[in-house]
C-alpha atoms as a PDB file:
ATOM      1  CA  MET A   1     -38.455  37.309   5.049  1.00  0.00           C
ATOM      2  CA  THR A   2     -40.184  40.369   6.486  1.00  0.00           C
ATOM      3  CA  SER A   3     -42.963  40.253   9.023  1.00  0.00           C
ATOM      4  CA  VAL A   4     -45.394  41.602   6.403  1.00  0.00           C
ATOM      5  CA  ALA A   5     -44.585  38.708   4.062  1.00  0.00           C
ATOM      6  CA  ARG A   6     -45.059  36.263   6.936  1.00  0.00           C
ATOM      7  CA  SER A   7     -48.390  37.879   7.753  1.00  0.00           C
ATOM      8  CA  ARG A   8     -49.597  37.504   4.168  1.00  0.00           C
ATOM      9  CA  ARG A   9     -48.623  33.836   4.212  1.00  0.00           C
ATOM     10  CA  LEU A  10     -50.408  33.379   7.519  1.00  0.00           C
ATOM     11  CA  LEU A  11     -53.580  34.976   6.113  1.00  0.00           C
ATOM     12  CA  LEU A  12     -53.390  32.697   3.087  1.00  0.00           C
ATOM     13  CA  LEU A  13     -52.940  29.673   5.359  1.00  0.00           C
ATOM     14  CA  ALA A  14     -55.933  30.721   7.506  1.00  0.00           C
ATOM     15  CA  SER A  15     -58.044  30.914   4.371  1.00  0.00           C
ATOM     16  CA  LEU A  16     -56.968  27.454   3.258  1.00  0.00           C
ATOM     17  CA  ILE A  17     -57.723  25.989   6.691  1.00  0.00           C
ATOM     18  CA  GLY A  18     -61.213  27.460   6.419  1.00  0.00           C
ATOM     19  CA  ILE A  19     -62.062  25.139   3.518  1.00  0.00           C
ATOM     20  CA  PRO A  20     -62.147  21.809   5.421  1.00  0.00           C
ATOM     21  CA  VAL A  21     -63.743  23.516   8.430  1.00  0.00           C
ATOM     22  CA  PHE A  22     -66.574  24.790   6.237  1.00  0.00           C
ATOM     23  CA  LEU A  23     -67.042  21.450   4.471  1.00  0.00           C
ATOM     24  CA  THR A  24     -67.127  19.426   7.696  1.00  0.00           C
ATOM     25  CA  GLY A  25     -69.709  21.829   9.106  1.00  0.00           C
ATOM     26  CA  ARG A  26     -72.059  20.962   6.268  1.00  0.00           C
ATOM     27  CA  ARG A  27     -71.825  17.262   7.122  1.00  0.00           C
ATOM     28  CA  ALA A  28     -72.060  17.848  10.869  1.00  0.00           C
ATOM     29  CA  GLU A  29     -75.506  19.416  10.494  1.00  0.00           C
ATOM     30  CA  ASP A  30     -77.078  16.041   9.646  1.00  0.00           C
ATOM     31  CA  VAL A  31     -75.520  14.427  12.712  1.00  0.00           C
ATOM     32  CA  VAL A  32     -76.260  17.260  15.145  1.00  0.00           C
ATOM     33  CA  LYS A  33     -79.930  17.514  14.212  1.00  0.00           C
ATOM     34  CA  LYS A  34     -80.447  13.986  15.600  1.00  0.00           C
ATOM     35  CA  LEU A  35     -78.906  14.695  19.005  1.00  0.00           C
ATOM     36  CA  GLU A  36     -81.005  15.251  22.088  1.00  0.00           C
ATOM     37  CA  GLY A  37     -81.004  18.809  23.426  1.00  0.00           C
ATOM     38  CA  VAL A  38     -80.183  20.488  20.119  1.00  0.00           C
ATOM     39  CA  ASN A  39     -81.604  23.932  19.568  1.00  0.00           C
ATOM     40  CA  SER A  40     -82.612  23.410  15.924  1.00  0.00           C
ATOM     41  CA  VAL A  41     -83.670  27.050  15.595  1.00  0.00           C
ATOM     42  CA  ALA A  42     -80.031  28.063  16.157  1.00  0.00           C
ATOM     43  CA  ILE A  43     -78.729  26.013  13.226  1.00  0.00           C
ATOM     44  CA  GLU A  44     -79.906  28.310  10.425  1.00  0.00           C
ATOM     45  CA  PRO A  45     -78.305  31.532  11.751  1.00  0.00           C
ATOM     46  CA  HIS A  46     -75.051  29.641  12.329  1.00  0.00           C
ATOM     47  CA  GLU A  47     -75.154  28.247   8.806  1.00  0.00           C
ATOM     48  CA  GLU A  48     -75.785  31.672   7.269  1.00  0.00           C
ATOM     49  CA  ALA A  49     -72.958  33.179   9.314  1.00  0.00           C
ATOM     50  CA  ALA A  50     -70.682  30.342   8.177  1.00  0.00           C
ATOM     51  CA  ASP A  51     -71.485  31.108   4.546  1.00  0.00           C
ATOM     52  CA  TRP A  52     -70.507  34.760   5.096  1.00  0.00           C
ATOM     53  CA  ALA A  53     -67.363  33.844   7.010  1.00  0.00           C
ATOM     54  CA  PHE A  54     -66.288  31.363   4.346  1.00  0.00           C
ATOM     55  CA  GLY A  55     -66.781  33.949   1.608  1.00  0.00           C
ATOM     56  CA  LEU A  56     -64.731  36.484   3.533  1.00  0.00           C
ATOM     57  CA  LEU A  57     -62.005  33.927   4.196  1.00  0.00           C
ATOM     58  CA  CYS A  58     -61.888  33.169   0.478  1.00  0.00           C
ATOM     59  CA  ALA A  59     -61.592  36.884  -0.294  1.00  0.00           C
ATOM     60  CA  GLN A  60     -58.854  37.162   2.333  1.00  0.00           C
ATOM     61  CA  GLY A  61     -56.964  34.291   0.730  1.00  0.00           C
ATOM     62  CA  VAL A  62     -57.223  35.732  -2.764  1.00  0.00           C
ATOM     63  CA  ILE A  63     -56.084  39.171  -1.597  1.00  0.00           C
ATOM     64  CA  ALA A  64     -53.201  37.735   0.438  1.00  0.00           C
ATOM     65  CA  LEU A  65     -52.091  35.569  -2.489  1.00  0.00           C
ATOM     66  CA  ALA A  66     -52.314  38.515  -4.889  1.00  0.00           C
ATOM     67  CA  ALA A  67     -50.234  40.623  -2.499  1.00  0.00           C
ATOM     68  CA  LEU A  68     -47.659  37.837  -2.187  1.00  0.00           C
ATOM     69  CA  ILE A  69     -47.352  37.532  -5.943  1.00  0.00           C
ATOM     70  CA  ALA A  70     -47.549  41.208  -6.910  1.00  0.00           C
ATOM     71  CA  TYR A  71     -45.176  42.445  -4.216  1.00  0.00           C
ATOM     72  CA  ARG A  72     -42.913  39.434  -3.877  1.00  0.00           C
ATOM     73  CA  ASN A  73     -39.659  41.367  -3.913  1.00  0.00           C
ATOM     74  CA  ARG A  74     -40.996  44.788  -2.991  1.00  0.00           C
ATOM     75  CA  GLU A  75     -42.491  46.501  -0.013  1.00  0.00           C
ATOM     76  CA  LEU A  76     -46.275  46.390   0.165  1.00  0.00           C
ATOM     77  CA  PRO A  77     -47.790  49.853  -0.473  1.00  0.00           C
ATOM     78  CA  ARG A  78     -49.791  51.360   2.374  1.00  0.00           C
ATOM     79  CA  TRP A  79     -53.072  51.182   0.466  1.00  0.00           C
ATOM     80  CA  ALA A  80     -52.564  47.475  -0.204  1.00  0.00           C
ATOM     81  CA  LEU A  81     -51.629  46.856   3.416  1.00  0.00           C
ATOM     82  CA  ALA A  82     -54.786  48.687   4.506  1.00  0.00           C
ATOM     83  CA  VAL A  83     -56.914  46.499   2.213  1.00  0.00           C
ATOM     84  CA  VAL A  84     -55.300  43.298   3.487  1.00  0.00           C
ATOM     85  CA  VAL A  85     -55.737  44.326   7.134  1.00  0.00           C
ATOM     86  CA  PHE A  86     -59.345  45.475   6.630  1.00  0.00           C
ATOM     87  CA  VAL A  87     -60.413  42.238   4.936  1.00  0.00           C
ATOM     88  CA  ALA A  88     -58.557  40.148   7.527  1.00  0.00           C
ATOM     89  CA  LEU A  89     -60.264  41.966  10.429  1.00  0.00           C
ATOM     90  CA  PHE A  90     -63.650  41.654   8.759  1.00  0.00           C
ATOM     91  CA  ALA A  91     -63.110  37.925   8.110  1.00  0.00           C
ATOM     92  CA  THR A  92     -61.898  37.335  11.670  1.00  0.00           C
ATOM     93  CA  THR A  93     -64.954  39.085  13.073  1.00  0.00           C
ATOM     94  CA  ALA A  94     -67.207  36.943  10.871  1.00  0.00           C
ATOM     95  CA  VAL A  95     -65.472  33.759  12.053  1.00  0.00           C
ATOM     96  CA  PHE A  96     -65.888  34.747  15.719  1.00  0.00           C
ATOM     97  CA  ARG A  97     -69.562  35.534  15.151  1.00  0.00           C
ATOM     98  CA  THR A  98     -70.058  32.171  13.444  1.00  0.00           C
ATOM     99  CA  ALA A  99     -68.394  30.381  16.341  1.00  0.00           C
ATOM    100  CA  SER A 100     -70.532  32.248  18.843  1.00  0.00           C
ATOM    101  CA  LEU A 101     -73.724  31.318  17.005  1.00  0.00           C
ATOM    102  CA  GLY A 102     -72.548  27.712  16.785  1.00  0.00           C
ATOM    103  CA  GLY A 103     -72.220  27.621  20.540  1.00  0.00           C
ATOM    104  CA  HIS A 104     -75.972  28.130  20.840  1.00  0.00           C
ATOM    105  CA  ILE A 105     -76.785  24.932  18.938  1.00  0.00           C
ATOM    106  CA  HIS A 106     -75.938  22.249  21.472  1.00  0.00           C
ATOM    107  CA  HIS A 107     -74.439  22.959  24.847  1.00  0.00           C
ATOM    108  CA  PRO A 108     -76.862  21.591  27.436  1.00  0.00           C
ATOM    109  CA  GLU A 109     -74.278  22.047  30.177  1.00  0.00           C
ATOM    110  CA  THR A 110     -74.766  25.819  29.900  1.00  0.00           C
ATOM    111  CA  GLN A 111     -78.554  25.682  30.206  1.00  0.00           C
ATOM    112  CA  MET A 112     -80.022  26.734  33.539  1.00  0.00           C
ATOM    113  CA  LYS A 113     -82.833  24.530  34.814  1.00  0.00           C
END
């Protein structure tokens, strides 16, 4: 198995892992809102970023799966590789942004008094 094929499988796996992460985030909102020290204003931007990140992860998974199927026994063309890499970088950036925004919701230990 080539490193490109492994990379496509890894991107597909990352997309699949994003599903339970996204779904548990929806449920966590109800719990977190009741905690003391929660910055409730920070919840909405995090939620919107999570929606974007989840959509991009889904697109990444579909593209990686399509590349795995279409080019199973052949080398991936450069244009297809460029598309896969671009979507993966965009999705990764969205996930990092979502995580950063989530860090603003409830971390009283980082607040200066």
